[in-house]
PDB file of N, CA and C in Angstrom:
ATOM      1  N   UNK A   1     101.152  64.964  80.515  1.00  0.00           N
ATOM      2  CA  UNK A   1     100.608  66.343  80.191  1.00  0.00           C
ATOM      3  C   UNK A   1     101.896  67.180  79.571  1.00  0.00           C
ATOM      4  N   UNK A   2     103.112  67.246  80.794  1.00  0.00           N
ATOM      5  CA  UNK A   2     104.235  68.088  80.785  1.00  0.00           C
ATOM      6  C   UNK A   2     104.643  67.925  79.326  1.00  0.00           C
ATOM      7  N   UNK A   3     104.561  66.768  79.108  1.00  0.00           N
ATOM      8  CA  UNK A   3     105.550  66.232  77.872  1.00  0.00           C
ATOM      9  C   UNK A   3     105.006  66.950  76.886  1.00  0.00           C
ATOM     10  N   UNK A   4     103.776  66.952  76.736  1.00  0.00           N
ATOM     11  CA  UNK A   4     103.277  67.690  75.258  1.00  0.00           C
ATOM     12  C   UNK A   4     103.109  69.278  75.528  1.00  0.00           C
ATOM     13  N   UNK A   5     103.278  69.849  76.876  1.00  0.00           N
ATOM     14  CA  UNK A   5     103.405  71.089  76.948  1.00  0.00           C
ATOM     15  C   UNK A   5     105.047  71.573  76.222  1.00  0.00           C
ATOM     16  N   UNK A   6     105.936  70.654  76.761  1.00  0.00           N
ATOM     17  CA  UNK A   6     107.346  70.909  76.631  1.00  0.00           C
ATOM     18  C   UNK A   6     107.356  70.715  74.855  1.00  0.00           C
ATOM     19  N   UNK A   7     106.843  69.843  74.415  1.00  0.00           N
ATOM     20  CA  UNK A   7     106.843  69.680  72.914  1.00  0.00           C
ATOM     21  C   UNK A   7     106.289  70.508  72.152  1.00  0.00           C
ATOM     22  N   UNK A   8     105.026  71.173  72.364  1.00  0.00           N
ATOM     23  CA  UNK A   8     104.250  72.139  72.091  1.00  0.00           C
ATOM     24  C   UNK A   8     105.139  73.819  72.184  1.00  0.00           C
ATOM     25  N   UNK A   9     105.884  73.956  73.110  1.00  0.00           N
ATOM     26  CA  UNK A   9     106.791  74.879  73.210  1.00  0.00           C
ATOM     27  C   UNK A   9     108.083  75.147  72.211  1.00  0.00           C
ATOM     28  N   UNK A  10     108.802  73.775  72.423  1.00  0.00           N
ATOM     29  CA  UNK A  10     109.586  73.626  71.232  1.00  0.00           C
ATOM     30  C   UNK A  10     109.249  73.940  69.723  1.00  0.00           C
ATOM     31  N   UNK A  11     108.306  73.090  69.671  1.00  0.00           N
ATOM     32  CA  UNK A  11     107.746  73.425  68.247  1.00  0.00           C
ATOM     33  C   UNK A  11     107.466  74.846  67.962  1.00  0.00           C
ATOM     34  N   UNK A  12     107.001  75.635  68.805  1.00  0.00           N
ATOM     35  CA  UNK A  12     106.861  77.120  68.758  1.00  0.00           C
ATOM     36  C   UNK A  12     108.410  77.685  68.514  1.00  0.00           C
ATOM     37  N   UNK A  13     109.324  77.476  69.105  1.00  0.00           N
ATOM     38  CA  UNK A  13     110.674  77.646  68.943  1.00  0.00           C
ATOM     39  C   UNK A  13     111.026  77.655  67.360  1.00  0.00           C
ATOM     40  N   UNK A  14     110.768  76.527  67.082  1.00  0.00           N
ATOM     41  CA  UNK A  14     111.211  75.981  65.771  1.00  0.00           C
ATOM     42  C   UNK A  14     110.788  76.463  64.314  1.00  0.00           C
ATOM     43  N   UNK A  15     109.268  76.930  64.811  1.00  0.00           N
ATOM     44  CA  UNK A  15     108.555  77.512  63.711  1.00  0.00           C
ATOM     45  C   UNK A  15     109.363  78.752  62.750  1.00  0.00           C
ATOM     46  N   UNK A  16     109.115  78.568  61.535  1.00  0.00           N
ATOM     47  CA  UNK A  16     109.845  79.551  60.634  1.00  0.00           C
ATOM     48  C   UNK A  16     108.710  80.201  59.996  1.00  0.00           C
ATOM     49  N   UNK A  17     107.694  80.170  60.365  1.00  0.00           N
ATOM     50  CA  UNK A  17     106.673  80.881  59.825  1.00  0.00           C
ATOM     51  C   UNK A  17     105.752  80.412  58.281  1.00  0.00           C
ATOM     52  N   UNK A  18     105.222  81.314  57.767  1.00  0.00           N
ATOM     53  CA  UNK A  18     104.594  80.872  56.424  1.00  0.00           C
ATOM     54  C   UNK A  18     104.909  81.566  55.444  1.00  0.00           C
ATOM     55  N   UNK A  19     105.795  82.349  55.552  1.00  0.00           N
ATOM     56  CA  UNK A  19     106.347  83.363  54.219  1.00  0.00           C
ATOM     57  C   UNK A  19     107.776  82.501  53.661  1.00  0.00           C
ATOM     58  N   UNK A  20     107.461  82.322  52.317  1.00  0.00           N
ATOM     59  CA  UNK A  20     108.496  82.023  51.524  1.00  0.00           C
ATOM     60  C   UNK A  20     109.509  83.108  51.091  1.00  0.00           C
ATOM     61  N   UNK A  21     110.785  83.042  51.386  1.00  0.00           N
ATOM     62  CA  UNK A  21     111.732  84.219  50.758  1.00  0.00           C
ATOM     63  C   UNK A  21     111.770  84.040  49.030  1.00  0.00           C
ATOM     64  N   UNK A  22     111.755  85.189  48.498  1.00  0.00           N
ATOM     65  CA  UNK A  22     112.075  84.904  46.759  1.00  0.00           C
ATOM     66  C   UNK A  22     113.275  85.473  46.473  1.00  0.00           C
ATOM     67  N   UNK A  23     113.976  84.857  45.591  1.00  0.00           N
ATOM     68  CA  UNK A  23     115.371  85.311  45.080  1.00  0.00           C
ATOM     69  C   UNK A  23     115.086  85.577  43.650  1.00  0.00           C
ATOM     70  N   UNK A  24     115.695  86.607  43.128  1.00  0.00           N
ATOM     71  CA  UNK A  24     115.814  86.385  41.404  1.00  0.00           C
ATOM     72  C   UNK A  24     117.114  86.097  41.098  1.00  0.00           C
ATOM     73  N   UNK A  25     117.343  85.059  40.578  1.00  0.00           N
ATOM     74  CA  UNK A  25     118.497  84.690  40.248  1.00  0.00           C
ATOM     75  C   UNK A  25     119.103  83.642  40.992  1.00  0.00           C
ATOM     76  N   UNK A  26     120.046  83.265  40.912  1.00  0.00           N
ATOM     77  CA  UNK A  26     120.938  82.302  42.040  1.00  0.00           C
ATOM     78  C   UNK A  26     121.762  83.109  43.012  1.00  0.00           C
ATOM     79  N   UNK A  27     121.410  82.655  44.277  1.00  0.00           N
ATOM     80  CA  UNK A  27     122.463  83.357  45.495  1.00  0.00           C
ATOM     81  C   UNK A  27     123.513  82.884  45.597  1.00  0.00           C
ATOM     82  N   UNK A  28     124.438  83.737  46.428  1.00  0.00           N
ATOM     83  CA  UNK A  28     125.743  83.024  46.440  1.00  0.00           C
ATOM     84  C   UNK A  28     125.887  82.090  47.182  1.00  0.00           C
ATOM     85  N   UNK A  29     126.611  81.056  47.398  1.00  0.00           N
ATOM     86  CA  UNK A  29     126.750  79.824  47.982  1.00  0.00           C
ATOM     87  C   UNK A  29     126.606  80.192  49.231  1.00  0.00           C
ATOM     88  N   UNK A  30     127.679  80.966  49.622  1.00  0.00           N
ATOM     89  CA  UNK A  30     127.774  81.056  51.429  1.00  0.00           C
ATOM     90  C   UNK A  30     126.286  81.453  51.822  1.00  0.00           C
ATOM     91  N   UNK A  31     125.870  82.499  51.197  1.00  0.00           N
ATOM     92  CA  UNK A  31     124.488  82.880  51.812  1.00  0.00           C
ATOM     93  C   UNK A  31     123.383  81.985  51.800  1.00  0.00           C
ATOM     94  N   UNK A  32     123.377  81.439  50.866  1.00  0.00           N
ATOM     95  CA  UNK A  32     122.422  79.987  50.425  1.00  0.00           C
ATOM     96  C   UNK A  32     122.545  79.213  51.782  1.00  0.00           C
ATOM     97  N   UNK A  33     123.871  78.537  51.866  1.00  0.00           N
ATOM     98  CA  UNK A  33     124.038  77.551  52.784  1.00  0.00           C
ATOM     99  C   UNK A  33     123.562  78.136  54.432  1.00  0.00           C
ATOM    100  N   UNK A  34     123.965  79.363  54.452  1.00  0.00           N
ATOM    101  CA  UNK A  34     123.898  79.863  55.898  1.00  0.00           C
ATOM    102  C   UNK A  34     122.722  80.081  56.098  1.00  0.00           C
ATOM    103  N   UNK A  35     122.120  80.769  55.476  1.00  0.00           N
ATOM    104  CA  UNK A  35     120.408  81.396  55.226  1.00  0.00           C
ATOM    105  C   UNK A  35     119.537  80.495  55.456  1.00  0.00           C
ATOM    106  N   UNK A  36     119.590  79.463  54.498  1.00  0.00           N
ATOM    107  CA  UNK A  36     118.671  78.510  53.985  1.00  0.00           C
ATOM    108  C   UNK A  36     118.858  77.213  54.340  1.00  0.00           C
ATOM    109  N   UNK A  37     119.924  76.467  53.946  1.00  0.00           N
ATOM    110  CA  UNK A  37     120.048  75.065  54.123  1.00  0.00           C
ATOM    111  C   UNK A  37     120.387  74.368  55.565  1.00  0.00           C
ATOM    112  N   UNK A  38     121.101  75.400  55.923  1.00  0.00           N
ATOM    113  CA  UNK A  38     121.484  75.093  57.707  1.00  0.00           C
ATOM    114  C   UNK A  38     120.439  75.598  58.410  1.00  0.00           C
ATOM    115  N   UNK A  39     119.243  76.440  58.094  1.00  0.00           N
ATOM    116  CA  UNK A  39     118.206  76.499  58.805  1.00  0.00           C
ATOM    117  C   UNK A  39     117.021  75.892  58.258  1.00  0.00           C
ATOM    118  N   UNK A  40     117.285  75.022  57.519  1.00  0.00           N
ATOM    119  CA  UNK A  40     115.964  74.356  56.705  1.00  0.00           C
ATOM    120  C   UNK A  40     115.076  74.929  56.451  1.00  0.00           C
ATOM    121  N   UNK A  41     115.398  76.137  55.701  1.00  0.00           N
ATOM    122  CA  UNK A  41     114.427  77.029  55.277  1.00  0.00           C
ATOM    123  C   UNK A  41     114.226  76.979  53.865  1.00  0.00           C
ATOM    124  N   UNK A  42     112.694  77.182  53.383  1.00  0.00           N
ATOM    125  CA  UNK A  42     112.708  77.218  51.831  1.00  0.00           C
ATOM    126  C   UNK A  42     113.235  78.408  51.316  1.00  0.00           C
ATOM    127  N   UNK A  43     113.575  78.232  49.818  1.00  0.00           N
ATOM    128  CA  UNK A  43     113.759  79.699  49.036  1.00  0.00           C
ATOM    129  C   UNK A  43     113.255  79.382  47.719  1.00  0.00           C
ATOM    130  N   UNK A  44     112.351  80.224  47.344  1.00  0.00           N
ATOM    131  CA  UNK A  44     112.135  80.209  45.852  1.00  0.00           C
ATOM    132  C   UNK A  44     113.188  80.978  44.927  1.00  0.00           C
ATOM    133  N   UNK A  45     113.583  80.374  44.139  1.00  0.00           N
ATOM    134  CA  UNK A  45     114.566  80.937  43.241  1.00  0.00           C
ATOM    135  C   UNK A  45     114.165  81.251  41.847  1.00  0.00           C
ATOM    136  N   UNK A  46     113.970  82.525  41.267  1.00  0.00           N
ATOM    137  CA  UNK A  46     113.292  82.683  40.439  1.00  0.00           C
ATOM    138  C   UNK A  46     114.592  82.789  39.179  1.00  0.00           C
ATOM    139  N   UNK A  47     114.186  82.345  37.981  1.00  0.00           N
ATOM    140  CA  UNK A  47     115.075  82.509  36.773  1.00  0.00           C
ATOM    141  C   UNK A  47     116.524  81.678  37.147  1.00  0.00           C
ATOM    142  N   UNK A  48     116.641  80.785  37.756  1.00  0.00           N
ATOM    143  CA  UNK A  48     117.840  79.908  38.033  1.00  0.00           C
ATOM    144  C   UNK A  48     118.444  79.131  36.641  1.00  0.00           C
ATOM    145  N   UNK A  49     117.257  78.768  36.224  1.00  0.00           N
ATOM    146  CA  UNK A  49     117.851  77.755  35.129  1.00  0.00           C
ATOM    147  C   UNK A  49     117.299  78.272  33.794  1.00  0.00           C
ATOM    148  N   UNK A  50     117.177  79.352  33.422  1.00  0.00           N
ATOM    149  CA  UNK A  50     116.516  80.027  32.269  1.00  0.00           C
ATOM    150  C   UNK A  50     117.329  79.446  31.132  1.00  0.00           C
ATOM    151  N   UNK A  51     118.609  79.378  31.535  1.00  0.00           N
ATOM    152  CA  UNK A  51     120.013  79.298  30.657  1.00  0.00           C
ATOM    153  C   UNK A  51     120.331  77.839  30.109  1.00  0.00           C
ATOM    154  N   UNK A  52     119.292  76.823  30.861  1.00  0.00           N
ATOM    155  CA  UNK A  52     119.346  75.443  30.226  1.00  0.00           C
ATOM    156  C   UNK A  52     118.908  75.183  29.013  1.00  0.00           C
ATOM    157  N   UNK A  53     119.715  74.199  28.376  1.00  0.00           N
ATOM    158  CA  UNK A  53     119.267  74.073  26.898  1.00  0.00           C
ATOM    159  C   UNK A  53     117.299  73.507  27.009  1.00  0.00           C
ATOM    160  N   UNK A  54     117.632  72.647  28.162  1.00  0.00           N
ATOM    161  CA  UNK A  54     115.838  71.949  28.229  1.00  0.00           C
ATOM    162  C   UNK A  54     114.997  72.994  28.389  1.00  0.00           C
ATOM    163  N   UNK A  55     115.140  73.943  29.011  1.00  0.00           N
ATOM    164  CA  UNK A  55     114.374  75.321  29.108  1.00  0.00           C
ATOM    165  C   UNK A  55     114.446  76.375  27.973  1.00  0.00           C
ATOM    166  N   UNK A  56     115.466  76.413  27.422  1.00  0.00           N
ATOM    167  CA  UNK A  56     115.708  77.578  26.424  1.00  0.00           C
ATOM    168  C   UNK A  56     114.843  76.812  25.069  1.00  0.00           C
ATOM    169  N   UNK A  57     115.352  75.492  24.980  1.00  0.00           N
ATOM    170  CA  UNK A  57     114.493  74.814  23.551  1.00  0.00           C
ATOM    171  C   UNK A  57     113.134  74.653  23.662  1.00  0.00           C
ATOM    172  N   UNK A  58     112.595  74.944  24.688  1.00  0.00           N
ATOM    173  CA  UNK A  58     111.340  74.302  25.116  1.00  0.00           C
ATOM    174  C   UNK A  58     111.024  72.826  25.220  1.00  0.00           C
ATOM    175  N   UNK A  59     111.769  71.977  25.549  1.00  0.00           N
ATOM    176  CA  UNK A  59     111.652  70.703  25.815  1.00  0.00           C
ATOM    177  C   UNK A  59     110.759  70.280  26.761  1.00  0.00           C
ATOM    178  N   UNK A  60     110.737  71.096  28.039  1.00  0.00           N
ATOM    179  CA  UNK A  60     110.285  70.751  29.142  1.00  0.00           C
ATOM    180  C   UNK A  60     108.870  71.286  29.174  1.00  0.00           C
ATOM    181  N   UNK A  61     108.436  71.936  28.075  1.00  0.00           N
ATOM    182  CA  UNK A  61     106.676  72.570  28.032  1.00  0.00           C
ATOM    183  C   UNK A  61     105.882  71.550  27.959  1.00  0.00           C
ATOM    184  N   UNK A  62     104.680  71.735  28.228  1.00  0.00           N
ATOM    185  CA  UNK A  62     103.591  70.715  28.053  1.00  0.00           C
ATOM    186  C   UNK A  62     103.476  70.296  26.328  1.00  0.00           C
ATOM    187  N   UNK A  63     103.631  71.170  25.592  1.00  0.00           N
ATOM    188  CA  UNK A  63     103.668  70.974  24.209  1.00  0.00           C
ATOM    189  C   UNK A  63     104.996  70.474  23.649  1.00  0.00           C
ATOM    190  N   UNK A  64     105.973  70.486  24.442  1.00  0.00           N
ATOM    191  CA  UNK A  64     107.376  69.646  24.090  1.00  0.00           C
ATOM    192  C   UNK A  64     106.825  68.296  24.136  1.00  0.00           C
ATOM    193  N   UNK A  65     106.680  68.008  25.688  1.00  0.00           N
ATOM    194  CA  UNK A  65     106.477  66.347  26.197  1.00  0.00           C
ATOM    195  C   UNK A  65     105.368  66.126  25.606  1.00  0.00           C
ATOM    196  N   UNK A  66     104.214  66.619  24.993  1.00  0.00           N
ATOM    197  CA  UNK A  66     103.249  66.307  24.280  1.00  0.00           C
ATOM    198  C   UNK A  66     103.926  65.267  22.931  1.00  0.00           C
ATOM    199  N   UNK A  67     104.394  66.208  22.395  1.00  0.00           N
ATOM    200  CA  UNK A  67     104.940  65.907  21.064  1.00  0.00           C
ATOM    201  C   UNK A  67     105.670  64.774  21.174  1.00  0.00           C
ATOM    202  N   UNK A  68     106.955  64.623  22.313  1.00  0.00           N
ATOM    203  CA  UNK A  68     107.503  63.601  22.438  1.00  0.00           C
ATOM    204  C   UNK A  68     106.788  62.152  22.812  1.00  0.00           C
ATOM    205  N   UNK A  69     105.832  62.403  23.894  1.00  0.00           N
ATOM    206  CA  UNK A  69     105.451  61.284  24.605  1.00  0.00           C
ATOM    207  C   UNK A  69     103.969  60.871  24.130  1.00  0.00           C
ATOM    208  N   UNK A  70     103.357  61.765  22.834  1.00  0.00           N
ATOM    209  CA  UNK A  70     101.982  61.352  22.670  1.00  0.00           C
ATOM    210  C   UNK A  70     101.819  59.858  22.608  1.00  0.00           C
ATOM    211  N   UNK A  71     100.822  59.322  22.834  1.00  0.00           N
ATOM    212  CA  UNK A  71     100.541  58.123  22.593  1.00  0.00           C
ATOM    213  C   UNK A  71     101.321  56.756  23.401  1.00  0.00           C
ATOM    214  N   UNK A  72     102.502  57.172  24.037  1.00  0.00           N
ATOM    215  CA  UNK A  72     103.403  56.610  24.461  1.00  0.00           C
ATOM    216  C   UNK A  72     102.958  56.327  25.931  1.00  0.00           C
ATOM    217  N   UNK A  73     103.201  54.915  26.401  1.00  0.00           N
ATOM    218  CA  UNK A  73     102.786  54.385  27.957  1.00  0.00           C
ATOM    219  C   UNK A  73     103.919  55.070  28.808  1.00  0.00           C
ATOM    220  N   UNK A  74     103.671  55.713  29.897  1.00  0.00           N
ATOM    221  CA  UNK A  74     104.514  56.304  30.980  1.00  0.00           C
ATOM    222  C   UNK A  74     104.394  55.785  32.259  1.00  0.00           C
ATOM    223  N   UNK A  75     105.061  55.187  32.859  1.00  0.00           N
ATOM    224  CA  UNK A  75     105.045  54.472  34.199  1.00  0.00           C
ATOM    225  C   UNK A  75     105.700  55.316  35.199  1.00  0.00           C
ATOM    226  N   UNK A  76     104.806  55.428  36.553  1.00  0.00           N
ATOM    227  CA  UNK A  76     104.990  56.334  37.355  1.00  0.00           C
ATOM    228  C   UNK A  76     105.245  55.432  38.660  1.00  0.00           C
ATOM    229  N   UNK A  77     106.242  55.300  39.512  1.00  0.00           N
ATOM    230  CA  UNK A  77     106.090  54.802  40.716  1.00  0.00           C
ATOM    231  C   UNK A  77     105.776  55.571  41.725  1.00  0.00           C
ATOM    232  N   UNK A  78     105.031  55.304  42.611  1.00  0.00           N
ATOM    233  CA  UNK A  78     104.381  55.823  43.768  1.00  0.00           C
ATOM    234  C   UNK A  78     105.014  55.282  45.072  1.00  0.00           C
ATOM    235  N   UNK A  79     105.607  55.651  45.812  1.00  0.00           N
ATOM    236  CA  UNK A  79     106.279  55.122  47.179  1.00  0.00           C
ATOM    237  C   UNK A  79     105.630  55.671  48.488  1.00  0.00           C
ATOM    238  N   UNK A  80     105.183  55.254  49.507  1.00  0.00           N
ATOM    239  CA  UNK A  80     105.145  56.062  50.770  1.00  0.00           C
ATOM    240  C   UNK A  80     105.956  57.102  51.139  1.00  0.00           C
ATOM    241  N   UNK A  81     107.188  56.576  51.241  1.00  0.00           N
ATOM    242  CA  UNK A  81     108.446  57.757  51.167  1.00  0.00           C
ATOM    243  C   UNK A  81     108.913  58.830  50.110  1.00  0.00           C
ATOM    244  N   UNK A  82     108.136  58.477  49.148  1.00  0.00           N
ATOM    245  CA  UNK A  82     108.603  59.351  47.990  1.00  0.00           C
ATOM    246  C   UNK A  82     109.933  59.425  47.431  1.00  0.00           C
ATOM    247  N   UNK A  83     110.607  58.188  47.653  1.00  0.00           N
ATOM    248  CA  UNK A  83     112.060  57.639  47.313  1.00  0.00           C
ATOM    249  C   UNK A  83     111.988  56.586  46.407  1.00  0.00           C
ATOM    250  N   UNK A  84     110.885  56.448  45.175  1.00  0.00           N
ATOM    251  CA  UNK A  84     111.068  55.634  44.357  1.00  0.00           C
ATOM    252  C   UNK A  84     112.276  55.425  43.481  1.00  0.00           C
ATOM    253  N   UNK A  85     113.094  56.570  43.155  1.00  0.00           N
ATOM    254  CA  UNK A  85     113.926  56.473  42.214  1.00  0.00           C
ATOM    255  C   UNK A  85     115.350  56.506  42.849  1.00  0.00           C
ATOM    256  N   UNK A  86     115.065  56.622  44.197  1.00  0.00           N
ATOM    257  CA  UNK A  86     116.505  57.112  45.019  1.00  0.00           C
ATOM    258  C   UNK A  86     117.248  55.649  44.829  1.00  0.00           C
ATOM    259  N   UNK A  87     118.717  55.958  44.658  1.00  0.00           N
ATOM    260  CA  UNK A  87     119.634  55.008  44.415  1.00  0.00           C
ATOM    261  C   UNK A  87     120.510  55.073  46.057  1.00  0.00           C
ATOM    262  N   UNK A  88     120.074  54.326  46.648  1.00  0.00           N
ATOM    263  CA  UNK A  88     120.928  54.136  47.942  1.00  0.00           C
ATOM    264  C   UNK A  88     121.605  52.917  48.432  1.00  0.00           C
TER     265      UNK A  88
END
């Protein structure tokens, strides 16, 4: 039982809460690495890819995808660990 109490205490210390920070645009590299990556903390980055051709040209909208893939068969690999297409 002491083991479970210790584990519970450690989990509470690691808890990052339920809030996700939001950033408009790309944060600077050092802040992002220090405040989010190193802490394993999520960050919602808005507008970071608006300049990408796939986004600007509407290629990845539902309508754009449907126009390209309509009637075609698409295969999806589902793996228990979520790494179906990882190249290790």
